[in-house]
């Protein structure tokens, strides 16, 4: 399973989106549609840290990094690369 598929699966299961992960558009705006609020964002960050062995800095917890499944995937990809280099 690809990373974006795993992220979509988590989003659908955790936030009860009422759709199949494969049907969740990569660019579905989770913030604008009220899926992710401040508490949900903290839960998502915690899951990402555990799932991908990351230490996400508070400065990186900005809306654009968590707006869509695609932006979350891109953020994780960059964070994983940085973690491997650092």
N, C-alpha and C. Protein backbone atom coordinates (compact mmCIF):
# COMPACT_ATOMS: atom_id res chain seq x y z
N UNK A 1 0.85 -1.17 0.00
CA UNK A 1 0.00 0.00 0.00
C UNK A 1 0.90 1.24 0.00
N UNK A 2 0.58 2.18 -0.86
CA UNK A 2 1.38 3.40 -0.92
C UNK A 2 1.12 4.26 0.31
N UNK A 3 2.01 5.21 0.54
CA UNK A 3 1.86 6.09 1.70
C UNK A 3 0.57 6.90 1.60
N UNK A 4 0.26 7.45 0.43
CA UNK A 4 -0.97 8.26 0.32
C UNK A 4 -2.21 7.40 0.53
N UNK A 5 -2.17 6.15 0.11
CA UNK A 5 -3.29 5.25 0.36
C UNK A 5 -3.45 4.98 1.85
N UNK A 6 -2.35 4.82 2.55
CA UNK A 6 -2.41 4.60 4.01
C UNK A 6 -2.94 5.84 4.71
N UNK A 7 -2.53 7.02 4.24
CA UNK A 7 -3.02 8.27 4.83
C UNK A 7 -4.52 8.40 4.60
N UNK A 8 -4.98 8.11 3.37
CA UNK A 8 -6.41 8.18 3.08
C UNK A 8 -7.19 7.18 3.93
N UNK A 9 -6.66 5.98 4.06
CA UNK A 9 -7.33 4.96 4.87
C UNK A 9 -7.48 5.46 6.31
N UNK A 10 -6.41 6.03 6.85
CA UNK A 10 -6.46 6.56 8.21
C UNK A 10 -7.49 7.69 8.32
N UNK A 11 -7.48 8.60 7.36
CA UNK A 11 -8.43 9.72 7.40
C UNK A 11 -9.87 9.22 7.38
N UNK A 12 -10.15 8.29 6.49
CA UNK A 12 -11.51 7.76 6.36
C UNK A 12 -11.93 7.03 7.63
N UNK A 13 -11.05 6.22 8.18
CA UNK A 13 -11.39 5.46 9.38
C UNK A 13 -11.45 6.33 10.63
N UNK A 14 -10.49 7.20 10.80
CA UNK A 14 -10.41 8.02 12.03
C UNK A 14 -11.49 9.09 12.08
N UNK A 15 -11.77 9.70 10.94
CA UNK A 15 -12.68 10.85 10.91
C UNK A 15 -14.03 10.53 10.27
N UNK A 16 -14.30 9.23 10.08
CA UNK A 16 -15.59 8.74 9.62
C UNK A 16 -16.14 9.56 8.46
N UNK A 17 -15.41 9.56 7.36
CA UNK A 17 -15.78 10.37 6.21
C UNK A 17 -16.94 9.79 5.40
N UNK A 18 -17.29 8.55 5.65
CA UNK A 18 -18.42 7.96 4.96
C UNK A 18 -18.15 7.66 3.49
N UNK A 19 -16.90 7.44 3.17
CA UNK A 19 -16.51 7.08 1.81
C UNK A 19 -15.38 6.05 1.89
N UNK A 20 -15.14 5.40 0.80
CA UNK A 20 -14.02 4.46 0.76
C UNK A 20 -12.72 5.25 0.55
N UNK A 21 -11.62 4.79 1.12
CA UNK A 21 -10.36 5.50 0.92
C UNK A 21 -10.03 5.76 -0.55
N UNK A 22 -10.32 4.81 -1.41
CA UNK A 22 -10.03 4.98 -2.84
C UNK A 22 -10.87 6.08 -3.47
N UNK A 23 -11.99 6.41 -2.87
CA UNK A 23 -12.87 7.45 -3.40
C UNK A 23 -12.54 8.83 -2.86
N UNK A 24 -11.69 8.92 -1.86
CA UNK A 24 -11.31 10.21 -1.30
C UNK A 24 -10.31 10.87 -2.25
N UNK A 25 -10.69 11.99 -2.80
CA UNK A 25 -9.82 12.71 -3.75
C UNK A 25 -8.56 13.20 -3.05
N UNK A 26 -7.45 13.11 -3.75
CA UNK A 26 -6.17 13.57 -3.19
C UNK A 26 -6.24 15.03 -2.76
N UNK A 27 -7.06 15.83 -3.46
CA UNK A 27 -7.14 17.26 -3.19
C UNK A 27 -8.39 17.69 -2.41
N UNK A 28 -9.08 16.71 -1.80
CA UNK A 28 -10.25 17.04 -0.97
C UNK A 28 -9.78 17.89 0.20
N UNK A 29 -10.36 19.08 0.36
CA UNK A 29 -9.91 20.02 1.39
C UNK A 29 -10.47 19.62 2.75
N UNK A 30 -9.62 19.01 3.55
CA UNK A 30 -10.02 18.51 4.87
C UNK A 30 -10.33 19.64 5.84
N UNK A 31 -9.66 20.76 5.69
CA UNK A 31 -9.88 21.89 6.59
C UNK A 31 -11.16 22.63 6.23
N UNK A 32 -11.30 22.98 4.98
CA UNK A 32 -12.48 23.73 4.53
C UNK A 32 -13.77 22.93 4.77
N UNK A 33 -13.69 21.62 4.65
CA UNK A 33 -14.87 20.77 4.82
C UNK A 33 -15.09 20.32 6.26
N UNK A 34 -14.31 20.86 7.19
CA UNK A 34 -14.53 20.60 8.60
C UNK A 34 -14.11 19.23 9.10
N UNK A 35 -13.33 18.51 8.32
CA UNK A 35 -12.87 17.19 8.75
C UNK A 35 -11.79 17.33 9.81
N UNK A 36 -10.87 18.24 9.58
CA UNK A 36 -9.74 18.45 10.49
C UNK A 36 -9.95 19.76 11.24
N UNK A 37 -10.06 19.67 12.56
CA UNK A 37 -10.07 20.85 13.42
C UNK A 37 -8.80 20.79 14.27
N UNK A 38 -8.65 21.64 15.24
CA UNK A 38 -7.41 21.69 16.00
C UNK A 38 -7.13 20.39 16.76
N UNK A 39 -8.14 19.79 17.34
CA UNK A 39 -7.94 18.53 18.07
C UNK A 39 -7.63 17.40 17.09
N UNK A 40 -8.36 17.35 15.99
CA UNK A 40 -8.10 16.32 14.97
C UNK A 40 -6.69 16.47 14.39
N UNK A 41 -6.22 17.70 14.27
CA UNK A 41 -4.88 17.93 13.75
C UNK A 41 -3.83 17.35 14.69
N UNK A 42 -4.01 17.53 15.97
CA UNK A 42 -3.07 16.95 16.94
C UNK A 42 -3.08 15.43 16.89
N UNK A 43 -4.25 14.85 16.73
CA UNK A 43 -4.37 13.40 16.62
C UNK A 43 -3.69 12.91 15.35
N UNK A 44 -3.88 13.62 14.26
CA UNK A 44 -3.26 13.26 12.99
C UNK A 44 -1.74 13.37 13.07
N UNK A 45 -1.24 14.43 13.66
CA UNK A 45 0.21 14.60 13.82
C UNK A 45 0.79 13.46 14.64
N UNK A 46 0.11 13.10 15.71
CA UNK A 46 0.56 11.99 16.55
C UNK A 46 0.61 10.68 15.75
N UNK A 47 -0.43 10.43 14.96
CA UNK A 47 -0.46 9.21 14.14
C UNK A 47 0.69 9.21 13.14
N UNK A 48 0.91 10.34 12.49
CA UNK A 48 2.00 10.44 11.51
C UNK A 48 3.35 10.19 12.16
N UNK A 49 3.55 10.76 13.34
CA UNK A 49 4.81 10.54 14.05
C UNK A 49 5.02 9.07 14.36
N UNK A 50 3.98 8.42 14.83
CA UNK A 50 4.08 6.98 15.16
C UNK A 50 4.21 6.12 13.92
N UNK A 51 3.42 6.40 12.91
CA UNK A 51 3.39 5.58 11.70
C UNK A 51 4.68 5.67 10.88
N UNK A 52 5.27 6.87 10.84
CA UNK A 52 6.43 7.09 9.98
C UNK A 52 7.70 7.43 10.75
N UNK A 53 7.70 7.18 12.06
CA UNK A 53 8.88 7.42 12.91
C UNK A 53 9.42 8.83 12.73
N UNK A 54 8.53 9.81 12.86
CA UNK A 54 8.90 11.21 12.69
C UNK A 54 8.83 11.94 14.01
N UNK A 55 9.54 13.04 14.07
CA UNK A 55 9.43 13.98 15.18
C UNK A 55 9.02 15.31 14.54
N UNK A 56 7.73 15.56 14.50
CA UNK A 56 7.20 16.73 13.80
C UNK A 56 7.31 17.95 14.71
N UNK A 57 8.00 18.96 14.22
CA UNK A 57 8.19 20.21 14.95
C UNK A 57 6.90 21.03 14.92
N UNK A 58 6.60 21.69 16.00
CA UNK A 58 5.39 22.51 16.08
C UNK A 58 5.35 23.56 14.98
N UNK A 59 6.49 24.06 14.55
CA UNK A 59 6.54 25.06 13.48
C UNK A 59 6.05 24.50 12.14
N UNK A 60 6.09 23.19 12.00
CA UNK A 60 5.63 22.55 10.76
C UNK A 60 4.14 22.25 10.75
N UNK A 61 3.49 22.45 11.88
CA UNK A 61 2.06 22.17 11.99
C UNK A 61 1.30 23.42 11.54
N UNK A 62 1.27 23.58 10.22
CA UNK A 62 0.59 24.71 9.60
C UNK A 62 -0.48 24.16 8.65
N UNK A 63 -1.54 24.93 8.42
CA UNK A 63 -2.65 24.43 7.61
C UNK A 63 -2.25 23.86 6.25
N UNK A 64 -1.35 24.50 5.55
CA UNK A 64 -1.02 24.03 4.20
C UNK A 64 -0.40 22.64 4.19
N UNK A 65 0.22 22.21 5.27
CA UNK A 65 0.81 20.87 5.34
C UNK A 65 -0.24 19.78 5.58
N UNK A 66 -1.43 20.18 6.01
CA UNK A 66 -2.45 19.20 6.42
C UNK A 66 -3.81 19.44 5.76
N UNK A 67 -3.83 20.21 4.70
CA UNK A 67 -5.09 20.58 4.04
C UNK A 67 -5.72 19.43 3.26
N UNK A 68 -4.90 18.62 2.61
CA UNK A 68 -5.39 17.54 1.76
C UNK A 68 -4.55 16.28 1.99
N UNK A 69 -5.05 15.16 1.52
CA UNK A 69 -4.25 13.93 1.60
C UNK A 69 -2.94 14.11 0.83
N UNK A 70 -2.99 14.79 -0.30
CA UNK A 70 -1.78 15.01 -1.09
C UNK A 70 -0.78 15.90 -0.35
N UNK A 71 -1.25 16.94 0.33
CA UNK A 71 -0.33 17.82 1.05
C UNK A 71 0.25 17.10 2.28
N UNK A 72 -0.53 16.24 2.91
CA UNK A 72 -0.02 15.45 4.03
C UNK A 72 1.06 14.49 3.53
N UNK A 73 0.79 13.84 2.41
CA UNK A 73 1.76 12.92 1.82
C UNK A 73 3.05 13.65 1.46
N UNK A 74 2.95 14.82 0.85
CA UNK A 74 4.14 15.60 0.48
C UNK A 74 4.91 16.03 1.73
N UNK A 75 4.20 16.43 2.76
CA UNK A 75 4.84 16.81 4.02
C UNK A 75 5.60 15.64 4.62
N UNK A 76 4.95 14.48 4.67
CA UNK A 76 5.60 13.29 5.22
C UNK A 76 6.81 12.89 4.39
N UNK A 77 6.69 12.96 3.07
CA UNK A 77 7.82 12.62 2.20
C UNK A 77 9.02 13.52 2.51
N UNK A 78 8.77 14.80 2.66
CA UNK A 78 9.85 15.75 2.98
C UNK A 78 10.41 15.48 4.37
N UNK A 79 9.54 15.20 5.32
CA UNK A 79 9.99 14.94 6.69
C UNK A 79 10.80 13.66 6.79
N UNK A 80 10.38 12.63 6.05
CA UNK A 80 11.13 11.37 6.04
C UNK A 80 12.50 11.58 5.44
N UNK A 81 12.58 12.33 4.35
CA UNK A 81 13.86 12.62 3.70
C UNK A 81 14.76 13.40 4.64
N UNK A 82 14.21 14.40 5.31
CA UNK A 82 14.98 15.20 6.26
C UNK A 82 15.47 14.34 7.42
N UNK A 83 14.64 13.45 7.91
CA UNK A 83 15.01 12.57 9.02
C UNK A 83 16.15 11.65 8.63
N UNK A 84 16.14 11.18 7.38
CA UNK A 84 17.20 10.28 6.92
C UNK A 84 18.52 11.03 6.74
N UNK A 85 18.44 12.28 6.32
CA UNK A 85 19.64 13.09 6.10
C UNK A 85 20.21 13.54 7.44
N UNK A 86 19.30 13.93 8.36
CA UNK A 86 19.73 14.48 9.66
C UNK A 86 20.19 13.44 10.55
